[in-house]
Amino acid sequence: MLDQTDRKICALLQNNARASSTEVAQAVSLSVSAANERIRRLAATGAITGWRAALAPDRFDAALCAFVLIDMDFDGEDTAVAALSLRDEVQELHHISGPHSYLMKLRLADTKALQNFLGNVVKPLPAVSRTETIITLDTAKETSAIAIPEGANG
């Protein structure tokens, strides 16, 4: 179970993974060694799942953001999901409720790259029966940060 100090540490690191041990310790009123031990424990128990740099997609030939609704047949679904999950272009792949099977978020260079990805990677998968693609025109907010409520359980 995460206590208030753990939640504060997670919030701080989520906003700045480069925060020094001293900064974390000061922010939560702990010694540096106690703060480091908590961070180690949070990572070991899976509360912290990784350390990442947030990159500007347009600087890495991935300015186009597209969401693809995918309808899949049960036969071959696991194989298709595994294949799509291995692709770097796929940022997210969610099994969803409603009329579609999956929602996939892609980052690619442009519409030509999107067309190639759909035609050469997605649609040839035997389980895929239909796709519907939504291209973003502008992104008002994009984050992987989660809200950390004061009383959240872990």
C-alpha atoms as a PDB file:
ATOM      1  CA  MET A   1       0.000   0.000   0.000  1.00  0.00           C
ATOM      2  CA  LEU A   2       1.321   3.432  -0.918  1.00  0.00           C
ATOM      3  CA  ASP A   3       1.383   5.993   1.846  1.00  0.00           C
ATOM      4  CA  GLN A   4       1.255   9.764   1.440  1.00  0.00           C
ATOM      5  CA  THR A   5       5.064  10.028   1.185  1.00  0.00           C
ATOM      6  CA  ASP A   6       5.184   7.373  -1.560  1.00  0.00           C
ATOM      7  CA  ARG A   7       2.493   9.267  -3.494  1.00  0.00           C
ATOM      8  CA  LYS A   8       4.437  12.524  -3.162  1.00  0.00           C
ATOM      9  CA  ILE A   9       7.615  10.837  -4.401  1.00  0.00           C
ATOM     10  CA  CYS A  10       5.761   9.330  -7.371  1.00  0.00           C
ATOM     11  CA  ALA A  11       4.155  12.675  -8.251  1.00  0.00           C
ATOM     12  CA  LEU A  12       7.514  14.439  -8.077  1.00  0.00           C
ATOM     13  CA  LEU A  13       9.310  11.827 -10.200  1.00  0.00           C
ATOM     14  CA  GLN A  14       6.455  11.637 -12.689  1.00  0.00           C
ATOM     15  CA  ASN A  15       6.861  15.354 -13.330  1.00  0.00           C
ATOM     16  CA  ASN A  16      10.663  15.303 -13.229  1.00  0.00           C
ATOM     17  CA  ALA A  17      12.370  11.919 -13.432  1.00  0.00           C
ATOM     18  CA  ARG A  18      15.703  13.743 -13.306  1.00  0.00           C
ATOM     19  CA  ALA A  19      15.076  15.093  -9.813  1.00  0.00           C
ATOM     20  CA  SER A  20      18.114  14.423  -7.668  1.00  0.00           C
ATOM     21  CA  SER A  21      17.947  12.266  -4.570  1.00  0.00           C
ATOM     22  CA  THR A  22      18.514  15.387  -2.520  1.00  0.00           C
ATOM     23  CA  GLU A  23      15.594  17.178  -4.194  1.00  0.00           C
ATOM     24  CA  VAL A  24      13.287  14.210  -3.617  1.00  0.00           C
ATOM     25  CA  ALA A  25      14.387  13.855  -0.008  1.00  0.00           C
ATOM     26  CA  GLN A  26      13.864  17.548   0.698  1.00  0.00           C
ATOM     27  CA  ALA A  27      10.433  17.580  -0.952  1.00  0.00           C
ATOM     28  CA  VAL A  28       9.153  14.762   1.266  1.00  0.00           C
ATOM     29  CA  SER A  29      11.148  15.592   4.426  1.00  0.00           C
ATOM     30  CA  LEU A  30      13.250  12.432   4.464  1.00  0.00           C
ATOM     31  CA  SER A  31      16.951  11.709   4.513  1.00  0.00           C
ATOM     32  CA  VAL A  32      18.542  11.026   1.136  1.00  0.00           C
ATOM     33  CA  SER A  33      19.079   7.349   2.028  1.00  0.00           C
ATOM     34  CA  ALA A  34      15.441   6.933   3.167  1.00  0.00           C
ATOM     35  CA  ALA A  35      14.185   8.600  -0.035  1.00  0.00           C
ATOM     36  CA  ASN A  36      16.441   6.373  -2.161  1.00  0.00           C
ATOM     37  CA  GLU A  37      15.164   3.277  -0.353  1.00  0.00           C
ATOM     38  CA  ARG A  38      11.563   4.291  -1.004  1.00  0.00           C
ATOM     39  CA  ILE A  39      12.291   4.933  -4.703  1.00  0.00           C
ATOM     40  CA  ARG A  40      14.009   1.528  -4.947  1.00  0.00           C
ATOM     41  CA  ARG A  41      10.993  -0.135  -3.287  1.00  0.00           C
ATOM     42  CA  LEU A  42       8.511   1.723  -5.521  1.00  0.00           C
ATOM     43  CA  ALA A  43      10.388   0.473  -8.590  1.00  0.00           C
ATOM     44  CA  ALA A  44      10.771  -3.063  -7.233  1.00  0.00           C
ATOM     45  CA  THR A  45       7.041  -3.371  -6.468  1.00  0.00           C
ATOM     46  CA  GLY A  46       5.983  -2.026  -9.865  1.00  0.00           C
ATOM     47  CA  ALA A  47       4.548   1.324  -8.748  1.00  0.00           C
ATOM     48  CA  ILE A  48       7.261   2.963 -10.859  1.00  0.00           C
ATOM     49  CA  THR A  49       7.483   1.097 -14.155  1.00  0.00           C
ATOM     50  CA  GLY A  50      10.289   2.969 -15.901  1.00  0.00           C
ATOM     51  CA  TRP A  51      12.268   6.136 -16.467  1.00  0.00           C
ATOM     52  CA  ARG A  52      11.718   7.976 -19.728  1.00  0.00           C
ATOM     53  CA  ALA A  53      12.545  11.158 -21.539  1.00  0.00           C
ATOM     54  CA  ALA A  54       9.588  12.890 -23.192  1.00  0.00           C
ATOM     55  CA  LEU A  55      10.520  13.530 -26.822  1.00  0.00           C
ATOM     56  CA  ALA A  56       9.109  15.947 -29.389  1.00  0.00           C
ATOM     57  CA  PRO A  57       7.631  13.646 -32.086  1.00  0.00           C
ATOM     58  CA  ASP A  58       8.209  16.127 -34.907  1.00  0.00           C
ATOM     59  CA  ARG A  59      11.953  16.089 -34.190  1.00  0.00           C
ATOM     60  CA  PHE A  60      12.051  12.326 -34.817  1.00  0.00           C
ATOM     61  CA  ASP A  61      10.023  12.003 -38.037  1.00  0.00           C
ATOM     62  CA  ALA A  62       6.880  11.043 -36.115  1.00  0.00           C
ATOM     63  CA  ALA A  63       4.749  14.198 -36.362  1.00  0.00           C
ATOM     64  CA  LEU A  64       1.591  12.402 -37.502  1.00  0.00           C
ATOM     65  CA  CYS A  65      -0.561  11.049 -34.697  1.00  0.00           C
ATOM     66  CA  ALA A  66      -3.304   8.625 -35.716  1.00  0.00           C
ATOM     67  CA  PHE A  67      -5.788   6.499 -33.821  1.00  0.00           C
ATOM     68  CA  VAL A  68      -6.922   3.301 -35.483  1.00  0.00           C
ATOM     69  CA  LEU A  69     -10.022   1.375 -34.456  1.00  0.00           C
ATOM     70  CA  ILE A  70      -9.460  -2.267 -35.322  1.00  0.00           C
ATOM     71  CA  ASP A  71     -12.044  -5.020 -35.641  1.00  0.00           C
ATOM     72  CA  MET A  72     -10.569  -8.471 -35.119  1.00  0.00           C
ATOM     73  CA  ASP A  73     -11.800 -12.024 -35.368  1.00  0.00           C
ATOM     74  CA  PHE A  74     -11.121 -14.208 -32.340  1.00  0.00           C
ATOM     75  CA  ASP A  75      -9.065 -16.617 -34.458  1.00  0.00           C
ATOM     76  CA  GLY A  76      -5.586 -15.139 -34.632  1.00  0.00           C
ATOM     77  CA  GLU A  77      -6.318 -12.219 -32.292  1.00  0.00           C
ATOM     78  CA  ASP A  78      -3.481 -13.094 -29.902  1.00  0.00           C
ATOM     79  CA  THR A  79      -1.004 -13.322 -32.798  1.00  0.00           C
ATOM     80  CA  ALA A  80      -2.147  -9.991 -34.239  1.00  0.00           C
ATOM     81  CA  VAL A  81      -1.942  -8.240 -30.864  1.00  0.00           C
ATOM     82  CA  ALA A  82       1.548  -9.637 -30.280  1.00  0.00           C
ATOM     83  CA  ALA A  83       2.716  -8.539 -33.745  1.00  0.00           C
ATOM     84  CA  LEU A  84       1.333  -5.014 -33.364  1.00  0.00           C
ATOM     85  CA  SER A  85       2.730  -4.686 -29.843  1.00  0.00           C
ATOM     86  CA  LEU A  86       6.239  -5.276 -31.162  1.00  0.00           C
ATOM     87  CA  ARG A  87       6.065  -2.337 -33.585  1.00  0.00           C
ATOM     88  CA  ASP A  88       7.772   0.899 -32.530  1.00  0.00           C
ATOM     89  CA  GLU A  89       5.194   2.970 -34.398  1.00  0.00           C
ATOM     90  CA  VAL A  90       2.491   1.654 -32.059  1.00  0.00           C
ATOM     91  CA  GLN A  91       2.496   3.800 -28.934  1.00  0.00           C
ATOM     92  CA  GLU A  92      -0.630   2.300 -27.402  1.00  0.00           C
ATOM     93  CA  LEU A  93      -2.830  -0.704 -28.078  1.00  0.00           C
ATOM     94  CA  HIS A  94      -5.998  -1.075 -26.013  1.00  0.00           C
ATOM     95  CA  HIS A  95      -8.580  -3.868 -26.017  1.00  0.00           C
ATOM     96  CA  ILE A  96     -11.824  -1.877 -25.859  1.00  0.00           C
ATOM     97  CA  SER A  97     -15.539  -2.333 -25.363  1.00  0.00           C
ATOM     98  CA  GLY A  98     -18.102  -1.368 -27.978  1.00  0.00           C
ATOM     99  CA  PRO A  99     -18.313  -2.178 -31.673  1.00  0.00           C
ATOM    100  CA  HIS A 100     -14.540  -2.341 -32.221  1.00  0.00           C
ATOM    101  CA  SER A 101     -11.980  -4.736 -30.767  1.00  0.00           C
ATOM    102  CA  TYR A 102      -8.912  -2.516 -30.301  1.00  0.00           C
ATOM    103  CA  LEU A 103      -7.852   1.118 -30.266  1.00  0.00           C
ATOM    104  CA  MET A 104      -4.292   1.709 -31.463  1.00  0.00           C
ATOM    105  CA  LYS A 105      -2.337   4.956 -31.232  1.00  0.00           C
ATOM    106  CA  LEU A 106       0.350   5.429 -33.866  1.00  0.00           C
ATOM    107  CA  ARG A 107       3.113   7.979 -34.405  1.00  0.00           C
ATOM    108  CA  LEU A 108       4.415   8.149 -37.961  1.00  0.00           C
ATOM    109  CA  ALA A 109       6.074  10.620 -40.320  1.00  0.00           C
ATOM    110  CA  ASP A 110       3.096  11.428 -42.545  1.00  0.00           C
ATOM    111  CA  THR A 111      -0.033  10.075 -44.237  1.00  0.00           C
ATOM    112  CA  LYS A 112       2.033   8.077 -46.733  1.00  0.00           C
ATOM    113  CA  ALA A 113       3.790   6.303 -43.854  1.00  0.00           C
ATOM    114  CA  LEU A 114       0.378   5.708 -42.273  1.00  0.00           C
ATOM    115  CA  GLN A 115      -0.975   4.221 -45.485  1.00  0.00           C
ATOM    116  CA  ASN A 116       2.077   1.955 -45.779  1.00  0.00           C
ATOM    117  CA  PHE A 117       1.781   0.841 -42.144  1.00  0.00           C
ATOM    118  CA  LEU A 118      -1.911   0.024 -42.480  1.00  0.00           C
ATOM    119  CA  GLY A 119      -1.458  -1.715 -45.837  1.00  0.00           C
ATOM    120  CA  ASN A 120       1.715  -3.647 -45.055  1.00  0.00           C
ATOM    121  CA  VAL A 121       1.479  -4.310 -41.319  1.00  0.00           C
ATOM    122  CA  VAL A 122      -2.090  -4.110 -40.017  1.00  0.00           C
ATOM    123  CA  LYS A 123      -4.402  -5.264 -42.793  1.00  0.00           C
ATOM    124  CA  PRO A 124      -2.379  -8.376 -43.767  1.00  0.00           C
ATOM    125  CA  LEU A 125      -2.892  -9.802 -40.262  1.00  0.00           C
ATOM    126  CA  PRO A 126      -5.430 -12.629 -40.687  1.00  0.00           C
ATOM    127  CA  ALA A 127      -7.457 -11.636 -37.594  1.00  0.00           C
ATOM    128  CA  VAL A 128      -7.970  -8.037 -38.767  1.00  0.00           C
ATOM    129  CA  SER A 129     -11.333  -7.692 -40.486  1.00  0.00           C
ATOM    130  CA  ARG A 130     -11.694  -3.891 -40.594  1.00  0.00           C
ATOM    131  CA  THR A 131      -9.953  -0.670 -39.578  1.00  0.00           C
ATOM    132  CA  GLU A 132     -11.132   2.897 -39.105  1.00  0.00           C
ATOM    133  CA  THR A 133      -8.473   5.605 -38.863  1.00  0.00           C
ATOM    134  CA  ILE A 134      -8.672   9.001 -37.189  1.00  0.00           C
ATOM    135  CA  ILE A 135      -5.857  11.479 -37.833  1.00  0.00           C
ATOM    136  CA  THR A 136      -5.231  14.241 -35.318  1.00  0.00           C
ATOM    137  CA  LEU A 137      -5.037  17.784 -36.641  1.00  0.00           C
ATOM    138  CA  ASP A 138      -3.581  19.267 -33.465  1.00  0.00           C
ATOM    139  CA  THR A 139      -2.789  18.006 -29.977  1.00  0.00           C
ATOM    140  CA  ALA A 140      -4.058  20.136 -27.107  1.00  0.00           C
ATOM    141  CA  LYS A 141      -2.737  17.747 -24.445  1.00  0.00           C
ATOM    142  CA  GLU A 142      -0.748  14.542 -24.529  1.00  0.00           C
ATOM    143  CA  THR A 143       0.762  12.976 -21.441  1.00  0.00           C
ATOM    144  CA  SER A 144       1.521   9.641 -19.868  1.00  0.00           C
ATOM    145  CA  ALA A 145       1.182  11.156 -16.391  1.00  0.00           C
ATOM    146  CA  ILE A 146      -1.585   9.852 -14.166  1.00  0.00           C
ATOM    147  CA  ALA A 147      -3.489  11.756 -11.508  1.00  0.00           C
ATOM    148  CA  ILE A 148      -2.325  10.716  -8.052  1.00  0.00           C
ATOM    149  CA  PRO A 149      -5.200  11.291  -5.623  1.00  0.00           C
ATOM    150  CA  GLU A 150      -4.309  11.943  -1.995  1.00  0.00           C
ATOM    151  CA  GLY A 151      -5.979   8.750  -0.773  1.00  0.00           C
ATOM    152  CA  ALA A 152      -4.997   6.445  -3.633  1.00  0.00           C
ATOM    153  CA  ASN A 153      -4.269   2.857  -2.715  1.00  0.00           C
ATOM    154  CA  GLY A 154      -1.467   0.911  -4.269  1.00  0.00           C
END
